[in-house]
Amino acid sequence: MFKIVTQPAIEPLTVTEAKLQLRVSGTSEDSLITSFIVAARQHAENYMNRSLITQTWDYYLDNFRNEMVIQKSPVASITSIKYQDEDNAEQTLASTYYDTDLVSEPARVTLAYGKDWPYTYDKTNAVVMRLVTGYGLAVSVPSQIKQGMYLYITYLYEHRGDESIRPPRAIYDLWNSYRVQYL
């Protein structure tokens, strides 16, 4: 299970950029357009299993595994791994106990050579991995992803409240090459 710790500080698109796409010149709908930008980012992130702008997440596991696959991409760093020891006391695992593969998608954490995972207290969510995900700044988000967001924002703007019309397939065609599939 994942739980957001720190939301993105910015969005991949600005209100000005979205208004250019929508051909809107006034400011009366800026709040609505801002909400569409957030919705488009969240929709894109959920569809692609990917964070666009820097975010911090806690990833909860019941125990350590030989290979822990992180189902959020891209992973910039693992900040810490904490766990409840056999006495149900919180401990921080030294980074010498594990190796990280942050290049692969999905990223993964594996046991370091010659080490053993510590025993954990037998309870749900005994291990918490804190990680930083995302491309960083808006300028680093691939333009193909942004183009899909523009189309989604246009869809939301033009079809407000009309759920009978589905988003254009072109949105997902733009995002498919960035979609991370988990087994």
N, C-alpha and C. Protein backbone atom coordinates (compact mmCIF):
# COMPACT_ATOMS: atom_id res chain seq x y z
N MET A 1 0.83 -1.17 0.00
CA MET A 1 0.00 0.00 0.00
C MET A 1 0.88 1.24 0.00
N PHE A 2 0.48 2.24 -0.75
CA PHE A 2 1.19 3.51 -0.81
C PHE A 2 0.37 4.60 -0.16
N LYS A 3 1.06 5.50 0.53
CA LYS A 3 0.41 6.66 1.13
C LYS A 3 1.28 7.88 0.83
N ILE A 4 0.64 8.92 0.28
CA ILE A 4 1.37 10.14 -0.05
C ILE A 4 1.79 10.87 1.22
N VAL A 5 3.04 11.32 1.25
CA VAL A 5 3.57 12.08 2.38
C VAL A 5 3.66 13.55 1.98
N THR A 6 4.22 13.81 0.80
CA THR A 6 4.37 15.17 0.30
C THR A 6 3.84 15.24 -1.12
N GLN A 7 2.82 16.06 -1.32
CA GLN A 7 2.25 16.28 -2.65
C GLN A 7 3.23 17.08 -3.50
N PRO A 8 3.05 17.04 -4.83
CA PRO A 8 3.89 17.88 -5.69
C PRO A 8 3.72 19.36 -5.35
N ALA A 9 4.80 20.11 -5.38
CA ALA A 9 4.76 21.54 -5.07
C ALA A 9 4.24 22.35 -6.25
N ILE A 10 4.36 21.80 -7.44
CA ILE A 10 3.92 22.47 -8.66
C ILE A 10 3.19 21.45 -9.54
N GLU A 11 2.63 21.91 -10.63
CA GLU A 11 2.00 21.03 -11.61
C GLU A 11 2.84 21.02 -12.88
N PRO A 12 2.70 19.98 -13.70
CA PRO A 12 3.49 19.90 -14.94
C PRO A 12 3.11 20.97 -15.96
N LEU A 13 1.89 21.49 -15.86
CA LEU A 13 1.41 22.53 -16.77
C LEU A 13 0.96 23.73 -15.95
N THR A 14 1.14 24.91 -16.50
CA THR A 14 0.66 26.13 -15.83
C THR A 14 -0.74 26.46 -16.33
N VAL A 15 -1.41 27.33 -15.61
CA VAL A 15 -2.72 27.80 -16.02
C VAL A 15 -2.60 28.52 -17.36
N THR A 16 -1.55 29.30 -17.53
CA THR A 16 -1.33 30.02 -18.79
C THR A 16 -1.21 29.05 -19.96
N GLU A 17 -0.45 27.97 -19.78
CA GLU A 17 -0.30 26.97 -20.84
C GLU A 17 -1.62 26.29 -21.16
N ALA A 18 -2.38 25.95 -20.12
CA ALA A 18 -3.67 25.30 -20.33
C ALA A 18 -4.64 26.24 -21.03
N LYS A 19 -4.62 27.52 -20.66
CA LYS A 19 -5.52 28.49 -21.29
C LYS A 19 -5.18 28.67 -22.77
N LEU A 20 -3.91 28.60 -23.12
CA LEU A 20 -3.54 28.65 -24.55
C LEU A 20 -4.14 27.48 -25.29
N GLN A 21 -4.07 26.30 -24.70
CA GLN A 21 -4.65 25.09 -25.31
C GLN A 21 -6.16 25.25 -25.48
N LEU A 22 -6.80 25.82 -24.47
CA LEU A 22 -8.26 25.95 -24.47
C LEU A 22 -8.75 27.19 -25.21
N ARG A 23 -7.81 28.06 -25.57
CA ARG A 23 -8.14 29.34 -26.22
C ARG A 23 -9.03 30.20 -25.32
N VAL A 24 -8.63 30.26 -24.06
CA VAL A 24 -9.34 31.08 -23.07
C VAL A 24 -8.44 32.26 -22.73
N SER A 25 -9.01 33.47 -22.77
CA SER A 25 -8.18 34.65 -22.52
C SER A 25 -8.47 35.31 -21.17
N GLY A 26 -9.67 35.21 -20.66
CA GLY A 26 -10.02 35.85 -19.39
C GLY A 26 -9.52 35.07 -18.19
N THR A 27 -9.79 35.61 -17.01
CA THR A 27 -9.34 34.96 -15.77
C THR A 27 -10.49 34.36 -14.97
N SER A 28 -11.71 34.51 -15.45
CA SER A 28 -12.87 34.07 -14.67
C SER A 28 -12.91 32.56 -14.44
N GLU A 29 -12.25 31.79 -15.29
CA GLU A 29 -12.27 30.32 -15.13
C GLU A 29 -10.92 29.75 -14.68
N ASP A 30 -10.04 30.60 -14.18
CA ASP A 30 -8.72 30.15 -13.75
C ASP A 30 -8.79 29.06 -12.69
N SER A 31 -9.69 29.21 -11.72
CA SER A 31 -9.80 28.19 -10.66
C SER A 31 -10.25 26.85 -11.24
N LEU A 32 -11.20 26.90 -12.14
CA LEU A 32 -11.69 25.67 -12.78
C LEU A 32 -10.57 25.02 -13.60
N ILE A 33 -9.86 25.82 -14.35
CA ILE A 33 -8.76 25.29 -15.19
C ILE A 33 -7.66 24.71 -14.30
N THR A 34 -7.38 25.36 -13.18
CA THR A 34 -6.39 24.82 -12.23
C THR A 34 -6.82 23.45 -11.74
N SER A 35 -8.10 23.30 -11.42
CA SER A 35 -8.58 21.99 -10.96
C SER A 35 -8.49 20.95 -12.07
N PHE A 36 -8.68 21.35 -13.31
CA PHE A 36 -8.55 20.42 -14.44
C PHE A 36 -7.09 19.99 -14.62
N ILE A 37 -6.16 20.90 -14.37
CA ILE A 37 -4.73 20.55 -14.46
C ILE A 37 -4.39 19.49 -13.42
N VAL A 38 -4.85 19.69 -12.19
CA VAL A 38 -4.60 18.71 -11.12
C VAL A 38 -5.25 17.38 -11.48
N ALA A 39 -6.49 17.41 -11.94
CA ALA A 39 -7.19 16.18 -12.33
C ALA A 39 -6.46 15.47 -13.47
N ALA A 40 -5.97 16.23 -14.43
CA ALA A 40 -5.24 15.63 -15.56
C ALA A 40 -3.95 14.97 -15.09
N ARG A 41 -3.22 15.64 -14.19
CA ARG A 41 -1.99 15.04 -13.66
C ARG A 41 -2.31 13.75 -12.91
N GLN A 42 -3.30 13.81 -12.04
CA GLN A 42 -3.65 12.63 -11.26
C GLN A 42 -4.13 11.49 -12.16
N HIS A 43 -4.90 11.81 -13.17
CA HIS A 43 -5.37 10.78 -14.11
C HIS A 43 -4.19 10.17 -14.86
N ALA A 44 -3.28 11.01 -15.31
CA ALA A 44 -2.09 10.53 -16.01
C ALA A 44 -1.24 9.65 -15.10
N GLU A 45 -1.01 10.09 -13.87
CA GLU A 45 -0.20 9.32 -12.92
C GLU A 45 -0.83 7.97 -12.62
N ASN A 46 -2.13 7.95 -12.40
CA ASN A 46 -2.81 6.69 -12.11
C ASN A 46 -2.78 5.75 -13.31
N TYR A 47 -2.99 6.28 -14.49
CA TYR A 47 -2.99 5.44 -15.69
C TYR A 47 -1.60 4.87 -15.98
N MET A 48 -0.58 5.69 -15.82
CA MET A 48 0.78 5.27 -16.19
C MET A 48 1.55 4.63 -15.03
N ASN A 49 1.00 4.67 -13.81
CA ASN A 49 1.73 4.19 -12.61
C ASN A 49 3.05 4.95 -12.48
N ARG A 50 2.96 6.25 -12.59
CA ARG A 50 4.15 7.09 -12.68
C ARG A 50 3.87 8.42 -11.99
N SER A 51 4.84 8.94 -11.27
CA SER A 51 4.74 10.28 -10.67
C SER A 51 5.38 11.26 -11.64
N LEU A 52 4.74 12.38 -11.84
CA LEU A 52 5.28 13.35 -12.80
C LEU A 52 6.19 14.37 -12.14
N ILE A 53 5.75 14.95 -11.06
CA ILE A 53 6.52 15.96 -10.34
C ILE A 53 6.95 15.34 -9.01
N THR A 54 8.07 15.80 -8.45
CA THR A 54 8.62 15.24 -7.22
C THR A 54 7.56 15.13 -6.13
N GLN A 55 7.48 13.92 -5.56
CA GLN A 55 6.54 13.60 -4.49
C GLN A 55 7.22 12.64 -3.53
N THR A 56 6.77 12.61 -2.30
CA THR A 56 7.29 11.66 -1.33
C THR A 56 6.17 10.72 -0.93
N TRP A 57 6.49 9.43 -0.91
CA TRP A 57 5.51 8.38 -0.60
C TRP A 57 6.06 7.46 0.48
N ASP A 58 5.15 6.88 1.25
CA ASP A 58 5.47 5.75 2.13
C ASP A 58 4.87 4.50 1.50
N TYR A 59 5.71 3.47 1.39
CA TYR A 59 5.31 2.19 0.81
C TYR A 59 5.30 1.18 1.96
N TYR A 60 4.13 0.63 2.26
CA TYR A 60 3.95 -0.27 3.40
C TYR A 60 3.98 -1.73 2.96
N LEU A 61 4.74 -2.53 3.72
CA LEU A 61 4.83 -3.97 3.49
C LEU A 61 4.67 -4.68 4.83
N ASP A 62 4.18 -5.90 4.79
CA ASP A 62 4.01 -6.65 6.04
C ASP A 62 5.33 -7.23 6.56
N ASN A 63 6.27 -7.47 5.65
CA ASN A 63 7.58 -8.00 6.03
C ASN A 63 8.57 -7.76 4.89
N PHE A 64 9.82 -8.10 5.13
CA PHE A 64 10.83 -7.98 4.09
C PHE A 64 10.68 -9.12 3.10
N ARG A 65 11.01 -8.85 1.85
CA ARG A 65 10.97 -9.86 0.79
C ARG A 65 12.33 -9.88 0.10
N ASN A 66 12.65 -11.00 -0.54
CA ASN A 66 13.92 -11.09 -1.25
C ASN A 66 14.08 -9.96 -2.27
N GLU A 67 12.99 -9.68 -2.98
CA GLU A 67 12.98 -8.57 -3.93
C GLU A 67 11.71 -7.77 -3.68
N MET A 68 11.87 -6.51 -3.36
CA MET A 68 10.71 -5.64 -3.13
C MET A 68 10.58 -4.71 -4.32
N VAL A 69 9.55 -4.95 -5.12
CA VAL A 69 9.30 -4.18 -6.32
C VAL A 69 8.49 -2.94 -5.94
N ILE A 70 8.94 -1.79 -6.38
CA ILE A 70 8.29 -0.52 -6.04
C ILE A 70 7.38 -0.13 -7.20
N GLN A 71 6.12 -0.12 -6.93
CA GLN A 71 5.13 0.11 -7.98
C GLN A 71 4.77 1.58 -8.14
N LYS A 72 5.78 2.40 -8.14
CA LYS A 72 5.70 3.83 -8.47
C LYS A 72 6.96 4.13 -9.28
N SER A 73 6.81 4.87 -10.35
CA SER A 73 7.96 5.21 -11.18
C SER A 73 7.90 6.68 -11.56
N PRO A 74 9.01 7.30 -11.91
CA PRO A 74 10.37 6.86 -11.61
C PRO A 74 10.71 7.12 -10.14
N VAL A 75 11.51 6.25 -9.56
CA VAL A 75 11.95 6.42 -8.18
C VAL A 75 13.28 7.17 -8.21
N ALA A 76 13.32 8.33 -7.57
CA ALA A 76 14.54 9.13 -7.52
C ALA A 76 15.45 8.67 -6.39
N SER A 77 14.84 8.31 -5.25
CA SER A 77 15.66 7.87 -4.11
C SER A 77 14.80 7.13 -3.09
N ILE A 78 15.49 6.31 -2.30
CA ILE A 78 14.90 5.67 -1.12
C ILE A 78 15.43 6.47 0.06
N THR A 79 14.56 7.14 0.77
CA THR A 79 14.99 7.98 1.88
C THR A 79 15.30 7.15 3.11
N SER A 80 14.43 6.18 3.40
CA SER A 80 14.65 5.32 4.56
C SER A 80 13.79 4.08 4.45
N ILE A 81 14.21 3.06 5.19
CA ILE A 81 13.40 1.86 5.38
C ILE A 81 13.32 1.65 6.89
N LYS A 82 12.11 1.75 7.42
CA LYS A 82 11.90 1.55 8.85
C LYS A 82 11.08 0.28 9.03
N TYR A 83 11.24 -0.35 10.18
CA TYR A 83 10.50 -1.59 10.45
C TYR A 83 10.27 -1.74 11.94
N GLN A 84 9.28 -2.55 12.27
CA GLN A 84 9.00 -2.90 13.66
C GLN A 84 9.77 -4.19 13.94
N ASP A 85 10.70 -4.13 14.87
CA ASP A 85 11.51 -5.31 15.19
C ASP A 85 10.70 -6.33 15.98
N GLU A 86 11.34 -7.43 16.37
CA GLU A 86 10.65 -8.53 17.07
C GLU A 86 9.96 -8.08 18.35
N ASP A 87 10.44 -6.98 18.95
CA ASP A 87 9.85 -6.45 20.18
C ASP A 87 8.84 -5.34 19.89
N ASN A 88 8.49 -5.16 18.61
CA ASN A 88 7.55 -4.14 18.15
C ASN A 88 8.07 -2.72 18.39
N ALA A 89 9.39 -2.57 18.32
CA ALA A 89 10.02 -1.26 18.43
C ALA A 89 10.47 -0.81 17.04
N GLU A 90 10.25 0.46 16.72
CA GLU A 90 10.64 0.95 15.39
C GLU A 90 12.16 1.05 15.26
N GLN A 91 12.65 0.53 14.14
CA GLN A 91 14.07 0.58 13.82
C GLN A 91 14.23 1.13 12.41
N THR A 92 15.39 1.72 12.14
CA THR A 92 15.72 2.16 10.79
C THR A 92 16.79 1.23 10.25
N LEU A 93 16.52 0.65 9.10
CA LEU A 93 17.44 -0.30 8.49
C LEU A 93 18.60 0.46 7.85
N ALA A 94 19.83 0.05 8.18
CA ALA A 94 21.01 0.68 7.58
C ALA A 94 21.03 0.39 6.08
N SER A 95 21.42 1.35 5.28
CA SER A 95 21.43 1.19 3.83
C SER A 95 22.44 0.14 3.36
N THR A 96 23.34 -0.29 4.23
CA THR A 96 24.28 -1.35 3.88
C THR A 96 23.60 -2.72 3.79
N TYR A 97 22.37 -2.83 4.26
CA TYR A 97 21.63 -4.09 4.22
C TYR A 97 20.90 -4.33 2.91
N TYR A 98 20.80 -3.31 2.08
CA TYR A 98 20.04 -3.49 0.85
C TYR A 98 20.69 -2.77 -0.33
N ASP A 99 20.37 -3.26 -1.50
CA ASP A 99 20.78 -2.64 -2.76
C ASP A 99 19.55 -2.08 -3.44
N THR A 100 19.72 -0.98 -4.13
CA THR A 100 18.59 -0.38 -4.85
C THR A 100 18.87 -0.39 -6.34
N ASP A 101 17.86 -0.71 -7.10
CA ASP A 101 17.90 -0.61 -8.55
C ASP A 101 16.87 0.44 -8.93
N LEU A 102 17.34 1.67 -9.07
CA LEU A 102 16.45 2.78 -9.39
C LEU A 102 16.45 3.08 -10.88
N VAL A 103 17.23 2.31 -11.64
CA VAL A 103 17.31 2.49 -13.08
C VAL A 103 16.16 1.75 -13.76
N SER A 104 15.87 0.56 -13.30
CA SER A 104 14.81 -0.26 -13.89
C SER A 104 13.44 0.32 -13.56
N GLU A 105 12.50 0.01 -14.42
CA GLU A 105 11.10 0.33 -14.14
C GLU A 105 10.31 -0.94 -14.25
N PRO A 106 9.77 -1.44 -13.17
CA PRO A 106 9.74 -0.82 -11.85
C PRO A 106 11.09 -0.93 -11.12
N ALA A 107 11.32 0.03 -10.23
CA ALA A 107 12.52 0.00 -9.38
C ALA A 107 12.35 -1.12 -8.36
N ARG A 108 13.48 -1.51 -7.76
CA ARG A 108 13.39 -2.59 -6.77
C ARG A 108 14.48 -2.46 -5.72
N VAL A 109 14.22 -3.07 -4.59
CA VAL A 109 15.15 -3.13 -3.48
C VAL A 109 15.41 -4.61 -3.21
N THR A 110 16.69 -4.97 -3.13
CA THR A 110 17.08 -6.35 -2.86
C THR A 110 18.05 -6.40 -1.69
N LEU A 111 18.17 -7.57 -1.12
CA LEU A 111 19.08 -7.79 0.00
C LEU A 111 20.53 -7.69 -0.46
N ALA A 112 21.35 -6.98 0.28
CA ALA A 112 22.78 -6.85 -0.04
C ALA A 112 23.49 -8.18 0.19
N TYR A 113 24.55 -8.39 -0.55
CA TYR A 113 25.32 -9.62 -0.46
C TYR A 113 25.82 -9.83 0.97
N GLY A 114 25.64 -11.05 1.48
CA GLY A 114 26.12 -11.42 2.80
C GLY A 114 25.27 -10.93 3.96
N LYS A 115 24.14 -10.34 3.67
CA LYS A 115 23.27 -9.81 4.73
C LYS A 115 22.00 -10.65 4.84
N ASP A 116 21.33 -10.55 5.96
CA ASP A 116 20.02 -11.16 6.18
C ASP A 116 19.06 -10.06 6.60
N TRP A 117 17.83 -10.19 6.12
CA TRP A 117 16.82 -9.24 6.56
C TRP A 117 16.58 -9.44 8.05
N PRO A 118 16.36 -8.37 8.79
CA PRO A 118 16.03 -8.54 10.21
C PRO A 118 14.62 -9.12 10.36
N TYR A 119 14.38 -9.77 11.46
CA TYR A 119 13.04 -10.26 11.76
C TYR A 119 12.15 -9.07 12.10
N THR A 120 10.90 -9.18 11.68
CA THR A 120 9.94 -8.12 11.98
C THR A 120 8.86 -8.65 12.91
N TYR A 121 8.23 -7.74 13.58
CA TYR A 121 7.08 -8.07 14.41
C TYR A 121 5.97 -8.56 13.49
N ASP A 122 5.24 -9.57 13.92
CA ASP A 122 4.20 -10.16 13.08
C ASP A 122 2.95 -9.28 13.11
N LYS A 123 2.94 -8.27 12.21
CA LYS A 123 1.80 -7.38 12.13
C LYS A 123 1.72 -6.78 10.73
N THR A 124 0.58 -6.25 10.41
CA THR A 124 0.37 -5.60 9.13
C THR A 124 1.20 -4.32 9.06
N ASN A 125 1.80 -4.08 7.89
CA ASN A 125 2.58 -2.86 7.63
C ASN A 125 3.77 -2.70 8.58
N ALA A 126 4.46 -3.79 8.85
CA ALA A 126 5.61 -3.76 9.74
C ALA A 126 6.82 -3.08 9.11
N VAL A 127 6.83 -2.95 7.79
CA VAL A 127 7.94 -2.32 7.07
C VAL A 127 7.39 -1.10 6.33
N VAL A 128 8.11 0.03 6.46
CA VAL A 128 7.71 1.26 5.76
C VAL A 128 8.93 1.80 5.02
N MET A 129 8.80 1.85 3.70
CA MET A 129 9.86 2.37 2.85
C MET A 129 9.45 3.77 2.40
N ARG A 130 10.26 4.77 2.72
CA ARG A 130 9.97 6.14 2.27
C ARG A 130 10.77 6.39 1.00
N LEU A 131 10.06 6.85 -0.03
CA LEU A 131 10.72 7.07 -1.31
C LEU A 131 10.29 8.37 -1.95
N VAL A 132 11.18 8.90 -2.76
CA VAL A 132 10.91 10.11 -3.53
C VAL A 132 10.76 9.68 -4.98
N THR A 133 9.65 10.11 -5.60
CA THR A 133 9.36 9.73 -6.98
C THR A 133 9.15 10.98 -7.83
N GLY A 134 9.18 10.79 -9.13
CA GLY A 134 8.87 11.87 -10.06
C GLY A 134 10.06 12.29 -10.89
N TYR A 135 9.77 13.06 -11.92
CA TYR A 135 10.80 13.58 -12.83
C TYR A 135 11.52 14.79 -12.25
N GLY A 136 10.98 15.39 -11.24
CA GLY A 136 11.56 16.62 -10.69
C GLY A 136 10.70 17.80 -11.07
N LEU A 137 11.24 18.68 -11.86
CA LEU A 137 10.53 19.89 -12.28
C LEU A 137 9.66 19.65 -13.50
N ALA A 138 8.75 20.57 -13.74
CA ALA A 138 7.82 20.45 -14.87
C ALA A 138 8.56 20.34 -16.20
N VAL A 139 9.68 21.02 -16.33
CA VAL A 139 10.43 21.00 -17.58
C VAL A 139 10.97 19.60 -17.91
N SER A 140 11.10 18.75 -16.90
CA SER A 140 11.62 17.39 -17.10
C SER A 140 10.56 16.37 -17.48
N VAL A 141 9.29 16.73 -17.36
CA VAL A 141 8.20 15.81 -17.73
C VAL A 141 8.19 15.70 -19.26
N PRO A 142 8.23 14.47 -19.79
CA PRO A 142 8.25 14.30 -21.25
C PRO A 142 7.07 15.00 -21.93
N SER A 143 7.35 15.60 -23.07
CA SER A 143 6.32 16.38 -23.78
C SER A 143 5.15 15.51 -24.22
N GLN A 144 5.39 14.24 -24.50
CA GLN A 144 4.31 13.35 -24.90
C GLN A 144 3.29 13.19 -23.77
N ILE A 145 3.77 13.13 -22.55
CA ILE A 145 2.87 13.06 -21.39
C ILE A 145 2.09 14.36 -21.25
N LYS A 146 2.79 15.48 -21.42
CA LYS A 146 2.11 16.77 -21.34
C LYS A 146 1.05 16.92 -22.43
N GLN A 147 1.33 16.44 -23.62
CA GLN A 147 0.35 16.52 -24.71
C GLN A 147 -0.91 15.74 -24.36
N GLY A 148 -0.75 14.58 -23.75
CA GLY A 148 -1.91 13.82 -23.29
C GLY A 148 -2.69 14.58 -22.23
N MET A 149 -1.97 15.29 -21.35
CA MET A 149 -2.64 16.10 -20.33
C MET A 149 -3.43 17.24 -20.98
N TYR A 150 -2.84 17.88 -21.99
CA TYR A 150 -3.56 18.95 -22.70
C TYR A 150 -4.88 18.41 -23.27
N LEU A 151 -4.82 17.24 -23.89
CA LEU A 151 -6.03 16.66 -24.46
C LEU A 151 -7.05 16.33 -23.38
N TYR A 152 -6.58 15.84 -22.25
CA TYR A 152 -7.50 15.51 -21.16
C TYR A 152 -8.13 16.77 -20.57
N ILE A 153 -7.35 17.82 -20.42
CA ILE A 153 -7.88 19.10 -19.92
C ILE A 153 -8.93 19.64 -20.89
N THR A 154 -8.66 19.53 -22.20
CA THR A 154 -9.62 19.97 -23.21
C THR A 154 -10.91 19.16 -23.10
N TYR A 155 -10.76 17.86 -22.93
CA TYR A 155 -11.93 16.98 -22.76
C TYR A 155 -12.76 17.43 -21.53
N LEU A 156 -12.08 17.65 -20.40
CA LEU A 156 -12.80 18.07 -19.18
C LEU A 156 -13.49 19.42 -19.38
N TYR A 157 -12.81 20.33 -20.03
CA TYR A 157 -13.35 21.67 -20.23
C TYR A 157 -14.56 21.66 -21.16
N GLU A 158 -14.47 20.90 -22.23
CA GLU A 158 -15.53 20.90 -23.23
C GLU A 158 -16.72 20.02 -22.86
N HIS A 159 -16.52 19.06 -21.96
CA HIS A 159 -17.60 18.12 -21.62
C HIS A 159 -17.89 18.14 -20.13
N ARG A 160 -17.93 19.31 -19.55
CA ARG A 160 -18.19 19.45 -18.10
C ARG A 160 -19.48 18.76 -17.71
N GLY A 161 -19.34 17.81 -16.82
CA GLY A 161 -20.52 17.14 -16.29
C GLY A 161 -21.17 16.12 -17.19
N ASP A 162 -20.69 15.96 -18.41
CA ASP A 162 -21.28 14.99 -19.34
C ASP A 162 -20.44 13.72 -19.33
N GLU A 163 -20.84 12.77 -18.50
CA GLU A 163 -20.08 11.54 -18.35
C GLU A 163 -20.37 10.52 -19.44
N SER A 164 -21.31 10.82 -20.32
CA SER A 164 -21.65 9.87 -21.38
C SER A 164 -20.61 9.88 -22.50
N ILE A 165 -19.79 10.93 -22.55
CA ILE A 165 -18.76 11.04 -23.58
C ILE A 165 -17.43 10.61 -22.97
N ARG A 166 -16.79 9.65 -23.58
CA ARG A 166 -15.53 9.13 -23.07
C ARG A 166 -14.36 9.99 -23.54
N PRO A 167 -13.28 10.01 -22.74
CA PRO A 167 -12.10 10.76 -23.17
C PRO A 167 -11.55 10.19 -24.49
N PRO A 168 -10.97 11.03 -25.31
CA PRO A 168 -10.42 10.56 -26.59
C PRO A 168 -9.33 9.51 -26.39
N ARG A 169 -9.32 8.50 -27.24
CA ARG A 169 -8.33 7.42 -27.20
C ARG A 169 -6.91 7.97 -27.38
N ALA A 170 -6.78 9.08 -28.08
CA ALA A 170 -5.46 9.67 -28.35
C ALA A 170 -4.71 9.99 -27.06
N ILE A 171 -5.45 10.32 -26.00
CA ILE A 171 -4.81 10.60 -24.71
C ILE A 171 -3.99 9.40 -24.26
N TYR A 172 -4.63 8.23 -24.29
CA TYR A 172 -3.98 7.01 -23.80
C TYR A 172 -2.92 6.52 -24.77
N ASP A 173 -3.11 6.79 -26.05
CA ASP A 173 -2.07 6.46 -27.03
C ASP A 173 -0.79 7.23 -26.73
N LEU A 174 -0.93 8.48 -26.33
CA LEU A 174 0.25 9.29 -25.97
C LEU A 174 0.91 8.77 -24.70
N TRP A 175 0.12 8.28 -23.77
CA TRP A 175 0.65 7.85 -22.47
C TRP A 175 1.13 6.40 -22.46
N ASN A 176 0.69 5.58 -23.41
CA ASN A 176 0.98 4.14 -23.35
C ASN A 176 2.46 3.80 -23.30
N SER A 177 3.29 4.53 -24.03
CA SER A 177 4.71 4.19 -24.03
C SER A 177 5.38 4.52 -22.69
N TYR A 178 4.72 5.27 -21.84
CA TYR A 178 5.26 5.60 -20.51
C TYR A 178 4.59 4.79 -19.40
N ARG A 179 3.66 3.96 -19.77
CA ARG A 179 2.91 3.19 -18.77
C ARG A 179 3.79 2.07 -18.22
N VAL A 180 3.84 1.96 -16.91
CA VAL A 180 4.62 0.91 -16.25
C VAL A 180 3.64 -0.16 -15.80
N GLN A 181 3.87 -1.38 -16.29
CA GLN A 181 3.01 -2.52 -15.94
C GLN A 181 3.67 -3.31 -14.82
N TYR A 182 2.89 -3.72 -13.86
CA TYR A 182 3.40 -4.52 -12.74
C TYR A 182 2.74 -5.88 -12.78
N LEU A 183 3.54 -6.88 -12.51
CA LEU A 183 3.02 -8.24 -12.48
C LEU A 183 2.45 -8.58 -11.12
